[in-house]
Amino acid sequence: MACQKNNYLLKASLLSLSISLVLPVHAENPPPTLEEMWTIIQRQQQEIEQLKQQLQTTDQKLEQ
């Protein structure tokens, strides 16, 4: 059950992060270029991997 809650929180956090990184701060700003989007996606993927590792560590500690 704790794992399901952690997965839900992880998904919600990632969705919030994705939205905040993709949406421009001001409507006046031009949309990100393809290169900028690729950089954002790569950073997000790195963070996802870090969060997965943290979740796995937490799950292991809870199982002990």
N, C-alpha and C. Protein backbone atom coordinates (compact mmCIF):
# COMPACT_ATOMS: atom_id res chain seq x y z
N MET A 1 0.82 -1.19 0.00
CA MET A 1 0.00 0.00 0.00
C MET A 1 0.86 1.25 0.00
N ALA A 2 1.94 1.24 0.78
CA ALA A 2 2.84 2.39 0.81
C ALA A 2 3.47 2.59 -0.55
N CYS A 3 3.75 1.51 -1.23
CA CYS A 3 4.36 1.59 -2.57
C CYS A 3 3.40 2.27 -3.55
N GLN A 4 2.11 1.94 -3.46
CA GLN A 4 1.13 2.56 -4.34
C GLN A 4 1.02 4.05 -4.07
N LYS A 5 1.04 4.40 -2.80
CA LYS A 5 0.95 5.83 -2.44
C LYS A 5 2.19 6.57 -2.94
N ASN A 6 3.37 5.95 -2.78
CA ASN A 6 4.60 6.57 -3.26
C ASN A 6 4.58 6.72 -4.77
N ASN A 7 4.07 5.71 -5.47
CA ASN A 7 3.98 5.79 -6.94
C ASN A 7 3.06 6.92 -7.36
N TYR A 8 1.92 7.05 -6.66
CA TYR A 8 0.99 8.13 -6.98
C TYR A 8 1.64 9.49 -6.75
N LEU A 9 2.32 9.64 -5.61
CA LEU A 9 2.97 10.91 -5.31
C LEU A 9 4.08 11.20 -6.32
N LEU A 10 4.82 10.17 -6.72
CA LEU A 10 5.88 10.34 -7.71
C LEU A 10 5.29 10.81 -9.03
N LYS A 11 4.23 10.17 -9.48
CA LYS A 11 3.60 10.56 -10.74
C LYS A 11 3.05 11.97 -10.68
N ALA A 12 2.42 12.32 -9.56
CA ALA A 12 1.87 13.67 -9.41
C ALA A 12 2.99 14.71 -9.41
N SER A 13 4.08 14.40 -8.74
CA SER A 13 5.22 15.31 -8.70
C SER A 13 5.83 15.49 -10.08
N LEU A 14 5.98 14.39 -10.79
CA LEU A 14 6.56 14.46 -12.14
C LEU A 14 5.67 15.24 -13.09
N LEU A 15 4.36 15.06 -12.97
CA LEU A 15 3.44 15.81 -13.81
C LEU A 15 3.55 17.30 -13.51
N SER A 16 3.58 17.65 -12.24
CA SER A 16 3.71 19.06 -11.86
C SER A 16 5.02 19.65 -12.37
N LEU A 17 6.09 18.89 -12.22
CA LEU A 17 7.39 19.34 -12.69
C LEU A 17 7.37 19.54 -14.20
N SER A 18 6.81 18.58 -14.91
CA SER A 18 6.75 18.67 -16.38
C SER A 18 5.99 19.90 -16.83
N ILE A 19 4.86 20.14 -16.21
CA ILE A 19 4.04 21.30 -16.58
C ILE A 19 4.79 22.59 -16.29
N SER A 20 5.42 22.67 -15.13
CA SER A 20 6.11 23.91 -14.76
C SER A 20 7.32 24.18 -15.65
N LEU A 21 7.97 23.13 -16.14
CA LEU A 21 9.14 23.33 -17.00
C LEU A 21 8.76 23.66 -18.44
N VAL A 22 7.64 23.16 -18.87
CA VAL A 22 7.25 23.34 -20.26
C VAL A 22 6.51 24.65 -20.49
N LEU A 23 5.69 25.05 -19.55
CA LEU A 23 4.92 26.28 -19.73
C LEU A 23 5.83 27.50 -19.58
N PRO A 24 5.71 28.44 -20.49
CA PRO A 24 6.52 29.66 -20.34
C PRO A 24 6.07 30.46 -19.12
N VAL A 25 7.03 31.19 -18.56
CA VAL A 25 6.74 31.97 -17.36
C VAL A 25 5.80 33.13 -17.69
N HIS A 26 6.03 33.74 -18.81
CA HIS A 26 5.18 34.85 -19.26
C HIS A 26 4.65 34.53 -20.65
N ALA A 27 3.46 35.01 -20.92
CA ALA A 27 2.87 34.76 -22.23
C ALA A 27 3.68 35.43 -23.34
N GLU A 28 4.49 36.41 -22.98
CA GLU A 28 5.29 37.13 -23.97
C GLU A 28 6.47 36.30 -24.47
N ASN A 29 6.89 35.32 -23.68
CA ASN A 29 8.05 34.51 -24.07
C ASN A 29 7.70 33.60 -25.24
N PRO A 30 8.62 33.46 -26.16
CA PRO A 30 8.36 32.53 -27.27
C PRO A 30 8.43 31.09 -26.76
N PRO A 31 7.80 30.18 -27.47
CA PRO A 31 7.87 28.77 -27.04
C PRO A 31 9.32 28.27 -27.13
N PRO A 32 9.66 27.26 -26.33
CA PRO A 32 11.03 26.74 -26.38
C PRO A 32 11.34 26.15 -27.75
N THR A 33 12.59 26.25 -28.13
CA THR A 33 13.03 25.64 -29.39
C THR A 33 13.11 24.13 -29.19
N LEU A 34 13.29 23.40 -30.28
CA LEU A 34 13.44 21.95 -30.19
C LEU A 34 14.64 21.57 -29.34
N GLU A 35 15.72 22.32 -29.47
CA GLU A 35 16.91 22.04 -28.67
C GLU A 35 16.63 22.27 -27.18
N GLU A 36 15.93 23.35 -26.87
CA GLU A 36 15.58 23.63 -25.48
C GLU A 36 14.65 22.55 -24.92
N MET A 37 13.70 22.13 -25.75
CA MET A 37 12.78 21.06 -25.32
C MET A 37 13.56 19.77 -25.06
N TRP A 38 14.51 19.45 -25.92
CA TRP A 38 15.31 18.25 -25.76
C TRP A 38 16.10 18.31 -24.44
N THR A 39 16.65 19.47 -24.14
CA THR A 39 17.38 19.66 -22.89
C THR A 39 16.45 19.46 -21.70
N ILE A 40 15.26 20.02 -21.77
CA ILE A 40 14.27 19.87 -20.70
C ILE A 40 13.92 18.39 -20.51
N ILE A 41 13.68 17.71 -21.61
CA ILE A 41 13.32 16.29 -21.55
C ILE A 41 14.46 15.47 -20.94
N GLN A 42 15.68 15.76 -21.32
CA GLN A 42 16.81 15.03 -20.76
C GLN A 42 16.93 15.27 -19.25
N ARG A 43 16.74 16.50 -18.83
CA ARG A 43 16.79 16.82 -17.39
C ARG A 43 15.67 16.09 -16.65
N GLN A 44 14.49 16.09 -17.25
CA GLN A 44 13.37 15.40 -16.62
C GLN A 44 13.66 13.91 -16.49
N GLN A 45 14.25 13.32 -17.53
CA GLN A 45 14.57 11.90 -17.48
C GLN A 45 15.58 11.61 -16.38
N GLN A 46 16.56 12.48 -16.22
CA GLN A 46 17.54 12.31 -15.14
C GLN A 46 16.85 12.37 -13.78
N GLU A 47 15.94 13.32 -13.64
CA GLU A 47 15.24 13.46 -12.36
C GLU A 47 14.33 12.26 -12.11
N ILE A 48 13.69 11.77 -13.16
CA ILE A 48 12.84 10.58 -13.02
C ILE A 48 13.68 9.40 -12.53
N GLU A 49 14.86 9.21 -13.10
CA GLU A 49 15.73 8.11 -12.68
C GLU A 49 16.15 8.28 -11.22
N GLN A 50 16.47 9.50 -10.83
CA GLN A 50 16.84 9.75 -9.43
C GLN A 50 15.67 9.45 -8.49
N LEU A 51 14.47 9.87 -8.89
CA LEU A 51 13.29 9.63 -8.06
C LEU A 51 12.97 8.14 -7.97
N LYS A 52 13.16 7.43 -9.06
CA LYS A 52 12.96 5.97 -9.05
C LYS A 52 13.93 5.31 -8.07
N GLN A 53 15.17 5.74 -8.09
CA GLN A 53 16.16 5.18 -7.18
C GLN A 53 15.79 5.49 -5.72
N GLN A 54 15.35 6.72 -5.48
CA GLN A 54 14.93 7.09 -4.12
C GLN A 54 13.74 6.24 -3.67
N LEU A 55 12.80 6.03 -4.58
CA LEU A 55 11.63 5.23 -4.27
C LEU A 55 12.02 3.79 -3.97
N GLN A 56 12.91 3.25 -4.76
CA GLN A 56 13.37 1.88 -4.54
C GLN A 56 14.08 1.76 -3.19
N THR A 57 14.91 2.74 -2.86
CA THR A 57 15.60 2.75 -1.55
C THR A 57 14.59 2.81 -0.41
N THR A 58 13.59 3.66 -0.57
CA THR A 58 12.55 3.80 0.46
C THR A 58 11.78 2.50 0.61
N ASP A 59 11.40 1.88 -0.50
CA ASP A 59 10.66 0.62 -0.46
C ASP A 59 11.49 -0.46 0.24
N GLN A 60 12.78 -0.50 -0.04
CA GLN A 60 13.65 -1.49 0.59
C GLN A 60 13.72 -1.27 2.10
N LYS A 61 13.80 -0.02 2.51
CA LYS A 61 13.86 0.28 3.94
C LYS A 61 12.55 -0.11 4.63
N LEU A 62 11.44 0.10 3.94
CA LEU A 62 10.14 -0.25 4.52
C LEU A 62 9.96 -1.76 4.64
N GLU A 63 10.55 -2.51 3.75
CA GLU A 63 10.44 -3.97 3.77
C GLU A 63 11.28 -4.60 4.88
N GLN A 64 12.26 -3.89 5.38
CA GLN A 64 13.16 -4.45 6.40
C GLN A 64 12.49 -4.51 7.75
